[in-house]
């Protein structure tokens, strides 16, 4: 299963559920995203030739991040660019999510292990703007 979360025709997030499966390789992100997200399903014996990645100058204006839920259960709260709450989704063990715009917050429903991948180097406090979370009565899980 694959889910795209959008606001005003802008992709905020892509969720690849652990049950998702297809043959070959499938890229989910457009070329202009600073993080590229793909799924690969290759049969035994398939070879990806050895390679190195070339030095290519890129300009990154927005941090995009990918999370893998290694264990547990996590609620993701989505916000628009003006920090207004939109909706929530539940992520389970094995789910992968890319955040590409808007805002987001998390609530650990269970003890959870999460692996995060994003562009570096980390800029400390200037890398993000924190704001108030939602209250329990505002939660809209889809």
N, C-alpha and C. Protein backbone atom coordinates (compact mmCIF):
# COMPACT_ATOMS: atom_id res chain seq x y z
N UNK A 1 0.84 -1.17 0.00
CA UNK A 1 0.00 0.00 0.00
C UNK A 1 0.89 1.24 0.00
N UNK A 2 0.47 2.23 -0.74
CA UNK A 2 1.21 3.47 -0.92
C UNK A 2 0.25 4.63 -0.67
N UNK A 3 0.69 5.62 0.12
CA UNK A 3 -0.17 6.75 0.43
C UNK A 3 0.58 8.06 0.18
N UNK A 4 -0.08 8.98 -0.47
CA UNK A 4 0.44 10.33 -0.68
C UNK A 4 -0.41 11.28 0.15
N UNK A 5 0.22 12.07 1.01
CA UNK A 5 -0.49 13.07 1.81
C UNK A 5 -0.17 14.42 1.19
N UNK A 6 -1.21 15.16 0.81
CA UNK A 6 -1.03 16.43 0.11
C UNK A 6 -1.86 17.52 0.75
N UNK A 7 -1.44 18.76 0.48
CA UNK A 7 -2.20 19.94 0.88
C UNK A 7 -2.03 20.98 -0.21
N UNK A 8 -3.14 21.46 -0.75
CA UNK A 8 -3.10 22.48 -1.81
C UNK A 8 -2.19 22.05 -2.95
N UNK A 9 -2.38 20.82 -3.44
CA UNK A 9 -1.63 20.26 -4.57
C UNK A 9 -0.13 20.15 -4.31
N UNK A 10 0.28 20.15 -3.05
CA UNK A 10 1.69 20.00 -2.68
C UNK A 10 1.84 18.71 -1.87
N UNK A 11 2.75 17.86 -2.30
CA UNK A 11 2.98 16.61 -1.57
C UNK A 11 3.72 16.91 -0.28
N UNK A 12 3.10 16.53 0.85
CA UNK A 12 3.72 16.70 2.16
C UNK A 12 4.46 15.45 2.59
N UNK A 13 3.99 14.29 2.11
CA UNK A 13 4.53 13.05 2.62
C UNK A 13 4.15 11.89 1.70
N UNK A 14 5.01 10.89 1.69
CA UNK A 14 4.73 9.63 1.00
C UNK A 14 4.96 8.51 2.01
N UNK A 15 3.97 7.66 2.17
CA UNK A 15 4.09 6.52 3.08
C UNK A 15 4.11 5.24 2.26
N UNK A 16 5.14 4.43 2.49
CA UNK A 16 5.20 3.09 1.89
C UNK A 16 4.93 2.12 3.02
N UNK A 17 3.76 1.49 2.98
CA UNK A 17 3.40 0.53 4.02
C UNK A 17 4.19 -0.75 3.83
N UNK A 18 4.43 -1.44 4.93
CA UNK A 18 5.22 -2.67 4.92
C UNK A 18 4.64 -3.69 3.95
N UNK A 19 3.34 -3.65 3.69
CA UNK A 19 2.70 -4.61 2.79
C UNK A 19 2.93 -4.30 1.31
N UNK A 20 3.44 -3.10 1.00
CA UNK A 20 3.62 -2.70 -0.40
C UNK A 20 4.56 -3.66 -1.11
N UNK A 21 4.19 -4.03 -2.32
CA UNK A 21 5.07 -4.90 -3.11
C UNK A 21 4.76 -4.71 -4.59
N UNK A 22 5.81 -4.67 -5.38
CA UNK A 22 5.70 -4.64 -6.83
C UNK A 22 6.99 -5.23 -7.39
N UNK A 23 7.01 -5.52 -8.66
CA UNK A 23 8.22 -6.05 -9.29
C UNK A 23 9.11 -4.92 -9.79
N UNK A 24 10.40 -5.18 -9.84
CA UNK A 24 11.36 -4.22 -10.39
C UNK A 24 11.66 -3.10 -9.44
N UNK A 25 11.81 -1.90 -10.01
CA UNK A 25 12.11 -0.72 -9.22
C UNK A 25 11.05 0.34 -9.49
N UNK A 26 10.65 1.02 -8.45
CA UNK A 26 9.63 2.05 -8.56
C UNK A 26 10.07 3.27 -7.75
N UNK A 27 10.25 4.40 -8.43
CA UNK A 27 10.55 5.66 -7.75
C UNK A 27 9.24 6.38 -7.48
N UNK A 28 9.11 6.93 -6.28
CA UNK A 28 7.88 7.60 -5.87
C UNK A 28 8.01 9.12 -5.88
N UNK A 29 9.22 9.62 -5.92
CA UNK A 29 9.47 11.06 -5.82
C UNK A 29 9.79 11.64 -7.19
N UNK A 30 9.40 12.91 -7.40
CA UNK A 30 9.78 13.57 -8.64
C UNK A 30 11.27 13.95 -8.61
N UNK A 31 11.86 14.17 -9.75
CA UNK A 31 13.30 14.46 -9.82
C UNK A 31 13.73 15.69 -9.02
N UNK A 32 12.84 16.66 -8.82
CA UNK A 32 13.23 17.89 -8.13
C UNK A 32 13.30 17.74 -6.61
N UNK A 33 12.80 16.64 -6.05
CA UNK A 33 12.92 16.45 -4.60
C UNK A 33 14.38 16.27 -4.21
N UNK A 34 14.75 16.79 -3.05
CA UNK A 34 16.13 16.66 -2.59
C UNK A 34 16.41 15.30 -1.96
N UNK A 35 15.37 14.54 -1.66
CA UNK A 35 15.51 13.13 -1.26
C UNK A 35 14.76 12.32 -2.30
N UNK A 36 15.37 11.27 -2.76
CA UNK A 36 14.71 10.38 -3.71
C UNK A 36 14.32 9.12 -2.96
N UNK A 37 13.09 8.65 -3.19
CA UNK A 37 12.58 7.48 -2.49
C UNK A 37 12.11 6.47 -3.52
N UNK A 38 12.62 5.24 -3.38
CA UNK A 38 12.27 4.18 -4.33
C UNK A 38 12.10 2.87 -3.59
N UNK A 39 11.46 1.94 -4.25
CA UNK A 39 11.29 0.57 -3.77
C UNK A 39 11.90 -0.34 -4.82
N UNK A 40 12.64 -1.35 -4.37
CA UNK A 40 13.23 -2.33 -5.28
C UNK A 40 12.82 -3.73 -4.86
N UNK A 41 12.45 -4.53 -5.84
CA UNK A 41 12.15 -5.94 -5.62
C UNK A 41 12.90 -6.69 -6.72
N UNK A 42 13.97 -7.33 -6.36
CA UNK A 42 14.82 -8.03 -7.33
C UNK A 42 14.92 -9.51 -6.98
N UNK A 43 14.95 -10.34 -7.99
CA UNK A 43 15.01 -11.78 -7.77
C UNK A 43 16.44 -12.22 -7.46
N UNK A 44 16.54 -13.40 -6.87
CA UNK A 44 17.85 -13.99 -6.56
C UNK A 44 18.71 -14.01 -7.81
N UNK A 45 19.95 -13.60 -7.66
CA UNK A 45 20.89 -13.58 -8.77
C UNK A 45 20.93 -12.27 -9.53
N UNK A 46 19.96 -11.40 -9.32
CA UNK A 46 19.96 -10.10 -9.98
C UNK A 46 21.20 -9.33 -9.52
N UNK A 47 21.84 -8.64 -10.43
CA UNK A 47 23.08 -7.91 -10.11
C UNK A 47 22.88 -6.42 -10.35
N UNK A 48 23.22 -5.65 -9.36
CA UNK A 48 23.35 -4.20 -9.52
C UNK A 48 24.86 -3.97 -9.63
N UNK A 49 25.32 -3.51 -10.79
CA UNK A 49 26.77 -3.38 -10.99
C UNK A 49 27.41 -2.45 -9.97
N UNK A 50 28.64 -2.76 -9.56
CA UNK A 50 29.35 -1.87 -8.64
C UNK A 50 29.44 -0.47 -9.23
N UNK A 51 29.36 0.53 -8.37
CA UNK A 51 29.42 1.90 -8.86
C UNK A 51 29.84 2.84 -7.74
N UNK A 52 30.28 4.02 -8.13
CA UNK A 52 30.54 5.10 -7.18
C UNK A 52 29.61 6.24 -7.59
N UNK A 53 29.33 7.12 -6.64
CA UNK A 53 28.50 8.28 -6.93
C UNK A 53 29.41 9.46 -7.19
N UNK A 54 29.16 10.15 -8.28
CA UNK A 54 29.98 11.28 -8.70
C UNK A 54 29.71 12.50 -7.82
N UNK A 55 30.71 13.34 -7.72
CA UNK A 55 30.56 14.61 -7.03
C UNK A 55 29.73 15.51 -7.93
N UNK A 56 28.55 15.88 -7.46
CA UNK A 56 27.65 16.76 -8.20
C UNK A 56 27.18 17.83 -7.23
N UNK A 57 27.39 19.09 -7.58
CA UNK A 57 26.93 20.17 -6.70
C UNK A 57 25.42 20.26 -6.77
N UNK A 58 24.81 20.29 -5.58
CA UNK A 58 23.36 20.42 -5.48
C UNK A 58 23.06 21.53 -4.49
N UNK A 59 21.97 22.23 -4.71
CA UNK A 59 21.52 23.23 -3.75
C UNK A 59 20.26 22.70 -3.10
N UNK A 60 20.30 22.60 -1.77
CA UNK A 60 19.16 22.10 -1.01
C UNK A 60 18.61 23.26 -0.19
N UNK A 61 17.33 23.57 -0.39
CA UNK A 61 16.71 24.68 0.32
C UNK A 61 15.78 24.21 1.43
N UNK A 62 15.36 22.96 1.37
CA UNK A 62 14.42 22.43 2.35
C UNK A 62 14.86 21.03 2.75
N UNK A 63 14.94 20.78 4.04
CA UNK A 63 15.30 19.45 4.51
C UNK A 63 14.12 18.52 4.29
N UNK A 64 14.38 17.42 3.61
CA UNK A 64 13.40 16.35 3.47
C UNK A 64 13.98 15.15 4.19
N UNK A 65 13.13 14.39 4.87
CA UNK A 65 13.64 13.28 5.66
C UNK A 65 12.83 12.02 5.41
N UNK A 66 13.49 10.90 5.62
CA UNK A 66 12.86 9.59 5.50
C UNK A 66 13.00 8.88 6.84
N UNK A 67 11.89 8.30 7.30
CA UNK A 67 11.90 7.52 8.53
C UNK A 67 11.48 6.08 8.23
N UNK A 68 12.19 5.14 8.85
CA UNK A 68 11.82 3.73 8.82
C UNK A 68 11.41 3.37 10.24
N UNK A 69 10.20 2.89 10.41
CA UNK A 69 9.74 2.45 11.72
C UNK A 69 10.28 1.03 11.93
N UNK A 70 11.36 0.94 12.68
CA UNK A 70 12.02 -0.35 12.91
C UNK A 70 11.18 -1.22 13.84
N UNK A 71 10.57 -0.61 14.85
CA UNK A 71 9.66 -1.33 15.74
C UNK A 71 8.70 -0.34 16.37
N UNK A 72 7.56 -0.84 16.81
CA UNK A 72 6.61 -0.01 17.52
C UNK A 72 5.50 0.52 16.65
N UNK A 73 4.85 1.56 17.16
CA UNK A 73 3.71 2.20 16.49
C UNK A 73 3.79 3.69 16.79
N UNK A 74 3.68 4.52 15.75
CA UNK A 74 3.87 5.96 15.85
C UNK A 74 2.72 6.68 15.15
N UNK A 75 2.19 7.72 15.81
CA UNK A 75 1.22 8.60 15.15
C UNK A 75 1.98 9.79 14.59
N UNK A 76 1.75 10.09 13.32
CA UNK A 76 2.33 11.26 12.67
C UNK A 76 1.23 12.30 12.53
N UNK A 77 1.47 13.50 13.01
CA UNK A 77 0.54 14.61 12.87
C UNK A 77 1.07 15.53 11.78
N UNK A 78 0.24 15.79 10.77
CA UNK A 78 0.63 16.62 9.63
C UNK A 78 0.09 18.04 9.78
N UNK A 79 0.93 19.01 9.41
CA UNK A 79 0.59 20.42 9.46
C UNK A 79 0.92 21.05 8.11
N UNK A 80 0.21 22.12 7.76
CA UNK A 80 0.53 22.84 6.53
C UNK A 80 1.69 23.81 6.78
N UNK A 81 2.06 24.57 5.77
CA UNK A 81 3.19 25.50 5.89
C UNK A 81 2.95 26.61 6.91
N UNK A 82 1.67 26.86 7.23
CA UNK A 82 1.32 27.89 8.22
C UNK A 82 1.16 27.29 9.61
N UNK A 83 1.60 26.04 9.79
CA UNK A 83 1.57 25.34 11.09
C UNK A 83 0.16 24.99 11.55
N UNK A 84 -0.79 24.90 10.62
CA UNK A 84 -2.16 24.52 10.93
C UNK A 84 -2.31 23.00 10.77
N UNK A 85 -2.89 22.37 11.78
CA UNK A 85 -3.05 20.91 11.78
C UNK A 85 -3.99 20.47 10.65
N UNK A 86 -3.60 19.38 9.98
CA UNK A 86 -4.38 18.83 8.88
C UNK A 86 -5.00 17.48 9.23
N UNK A 87 -4.16 16.51 9.57
CA UNK A 87 -4.62 15.15 9.83
C UNK A 87 -3.48 14.34 10.43
N UNK A 88 -3.80 13.11 10.83
CA UNK A 88 -2.79 12.21 11.39
C UNK A 88 -2.86 10.86 10.68
N UNK A 89 -1.76 10.14 10.75
CA UNK A 89 -1.67 8.77 10.23
C UNK A 89 -0.92 7.93 11.26
N UNK A 90 -1.22 6.65 11.28
CA UNK A 90 -0.53 5.71 12.16
C UNK A 90 0.49 4.93 11.32
N UNK A 91 1.73 4.90 11.80
CA UNK A 91 2.79 4.13 11.16
C UNK A 91 3.12 2.94 12.05
N UNK A 92 3.32 1.79 11.41
CA UNK A 92 3.62 0.56 12.12
C UNK A 92 5.00 0.04 11.73
N UNK A 93 5.45 -0.95 12.46
CA UNK A 93 6.75 -1.56 12.20
C UNK A 93 6.88 -1.92 10.72
N UNK A 94 7.99 -1.47 10.12
CA UNK A 94 8.27 -1.75 8.71
C UNK A 94 7.81 -0.68 7.75
N UNK A 95 6.95 0.24 8.20
CA UNK A 95 6.51 1.33 7.33
C UNK A 95 7.65 2.32 7.12
N UNK A 96 7.66 2.95 5.94
CA UNK A 96 8.64 3.97 5.60
C UNK A 96 7.87 5.22 5.21
N UNK A 97 8.34 6.38 5.66
CA UNK A 97 7.68 7.64 5.32
C UNK A 97 8.72 8.67 4.90
N UNK A 98 8.41 9.41 3.85
CA UNK A 98 9.21 10.55 3.40
C UNK A 98 8.42 11.81 3.71
N UNK A 99 9.06 12.78 4.36
CA UNK A 99 8.46 14.08 4.61
C UNK A 99 9.08 15.07 3.63
N UNK A 100 8.23 15.71 2.81
CA UNK A 100 8.76 16.56 1.75
C UNK A 100 8.25 17.99 1.83
N UNK A 101 7.38 18.30 2.79
CA UNK A 101 6.87 19.66 2.91
C UNK A 101 5.96 19.78 4.10
N UNK A 102 5.55 21.00 4.39
CA UNK A 102 4.68 21.23 5.53
C UNK A 102 5.40 20.93 6.84
N UNK A 103 4.62 20.67 7.88
CA UNK A 103 5.19 20.34 9.18
C UNK A 103 4.70 18.98 9.64
N UNK A 104 5.35 18.46 10.66
CA UNK A 104 4.96 17.16 11.20
C UNK A 104 5.42 17.05 12.65
N UNK A 105 4.69 16.26 13.39
CA UNK A 105 5.02 15.94 14.77
C UNK A 105 4.72 14.47 15.00
N UNK A 106 5.21 13.94 16.11
CA UNK A 106 5.07 12.50 16.36
C UNK A 106 4.61 12.23 17.78
N UNK A 107 3.83 11.17 17.92
CA UNK A 107 3.44 10.66 19.22
C UNK A 107 3.70 9.15 19.20
N UNK A 108 4.48 8.67 20.16
CA UNK A 108 4.81 7.25 20.23
C UNK A 108 3.67 6.50 20.92
N UNK A 109 2.91 5.75 20.15
CA UNK A 109 1.80 4.96 20.67
C UNK A 109 2.33 3.76 21.44
N UNK A 110 3.46 3.23 20.97
CA UNK A 110 4.17 2.14 21.63
C UNK A 110 5.64 2.52 21.71
N UNK A 111 6.41 1.80 22.53
CA UNK A 111 7.86 1.95 22.48
C UNK A 111 8.26 1.76 21.03
N UNK A 112 9.06 2.65 20.50
CA UNK A 112 9.35 2.64 19.06
C UNK A 112 10.82 2.88 18.78
N UNK A 113 11.32 2.20 17.78
CA UNK A 113 12.66 2.45 17.23
C UNK A 113 12.45 3.00 15.83
N UNK A 114 13.14 4.11 15.54
CA UNK A 114 12.98 4.79 14.26
C UNK A 114 14.36 5.07 13.68
N UNK A 115 14.52 4.78 12.41
CA UNK A 115 15.74 5.14 11.70
C UNK A 115 15.41 6.34 10.82
N UNK A 116 16.23 7.40 10.93
CA UNK A 116 16.00 8.64 10.19
C UNK A 116 17.14 8.88 9.21
N UNK A 117 16.77 9.31 7.99
CA UNK A 117 17.76 9.67 6.97
C UNK A 117 17.36 11.03 6.42
N UNK A 118 18.28 11.99 6.47
CA UNK A 118 18.02 13.31 5.89
C UNK A 118 19.34 13.95 5.48
N UNK A 119 19.24 15.08 4.79
CA UNK A 119 20.43 15.77 4.33
C UNK A 119 21.19 16.34 5.52
N UNK A 120 22.47 16.39 5.36
CA UNK A 120 23.32 17.03 6.36
C UNK A 120 24.13 18.11 5.67
N UNK A 121 24.96 18.78 6.42
CA UNK A 121 25.11 18.62 7.85
C UNK A 121 23.95 19.27 8.59
N UNK A 122 23.68 18.77 9.81
CA UNK A 122 22.62 19.31 10.65
C UNK A 122 22.99 20.72 11.10
N UNK A 123 22.06 21.63 10.98
CA UNK A 123 22.33 23.05 11.28
C UNK A 123 21.88 23.47 12.67
N UNK A 124 21.60 22.52 13.55
CA UNK A 124 21.20 22.87 14.91
C UNK A 124 19.85 23.56 14.94
N UNK A 125 19.70 24.55 15.82
CA UNK A 125 18.43 25.25 15.99
C UNK A 125 17.95 25.96 14.74
N UNK A 126 18.85 26.32 13.85
CA UNK A 126 18.41 27.02 12.63
C UNK A 126 17.84 26.06 11.59
N UNK A 127 17.90 24.77 11.86
CA UNK A 127 17.43 23.77 10.91
C UNK A 127 15.91 23.59 10.95
N UNK A 128 15.26 23.97 12.06
CA UNK A 128 13.82 23.78 12.17
C UNK A 128 13.20 24.80 13.10
N UNK A 129 11.89 25.00 12.91
CA UNK A 129 11.11 25.87 13.77
C UNK A 129 10.09 25.00 14.50
N UNK A 130 10.18 24.97 15.81
CA UNK A 130 9.25 24.17 16.61
C UNK A 130 8.01 25.00 16.94
N UNK A 131 6.87 24.32 17.08
CA UNK A 131 5.62 24.99 17.44
C UNK A 131 4.77 24.03 18.25
N UNK A 132 3.67 24.53 18.80
CA UNK A 132 2.81 23.74 19.70
C UNK A 132 2.19 22.55 18.98
N UNK A 133 2.08 21.46 19.71
CA UNK A 133 1.45 20.26 19.21
C UNK A 133 -0.07 20.39 19.31
N UNK A 134 -0.76 19.38 18.82
CA UNK A 134 -2.22 19.36 18.91
C UNK A 134 -2.65 18.74 20.23
N UNK A 135 -3.92 18.94 20.56
CA UNK A 135 -4.49 18.33 21.75
C UNK A 135 -5.24 17.06 21.33
N UNK A 136 -5.51 16.20 22.29
CA UNK A 136 -6.17 14.92 21.99
C UNK A 136 -7.50 15.10 21.27
N UNK A 137 -8.25 16.15 21.59
CA UNK A 137 -9.55 16.35 20.96
C UNK A 137 -9.45 16.82 19.51
N UNK A 138 -8.26 17.19 19.05
CA UNK A 138 -8.07 17.64 17.67
C UNK A 138 -7.67 16.50 16.73
N UNK A 139 -7.29 15.36 17.24
CA UNK A 139 -6.72 14.29 16.42
C UNK A 139 -7.74 13.76 15.41
N UNK A 140 -7.31 13.73 14.13
CA UNK A 140 -8.12 13.17 13.03
C UNK A 140 -7.24 12.14 12.32
N UNK A 141 -7.37 10.87 12.70
CA UNK A 141 -6.57 9.82 12.08
C UNK A 141 -7.27 9.33 10.83
N UNK A 142 -6.55 9.29 9.73
CA UNK A 142 -7.09 8.79 8.46
C UNK A 142 -6.44 7.48 8.11
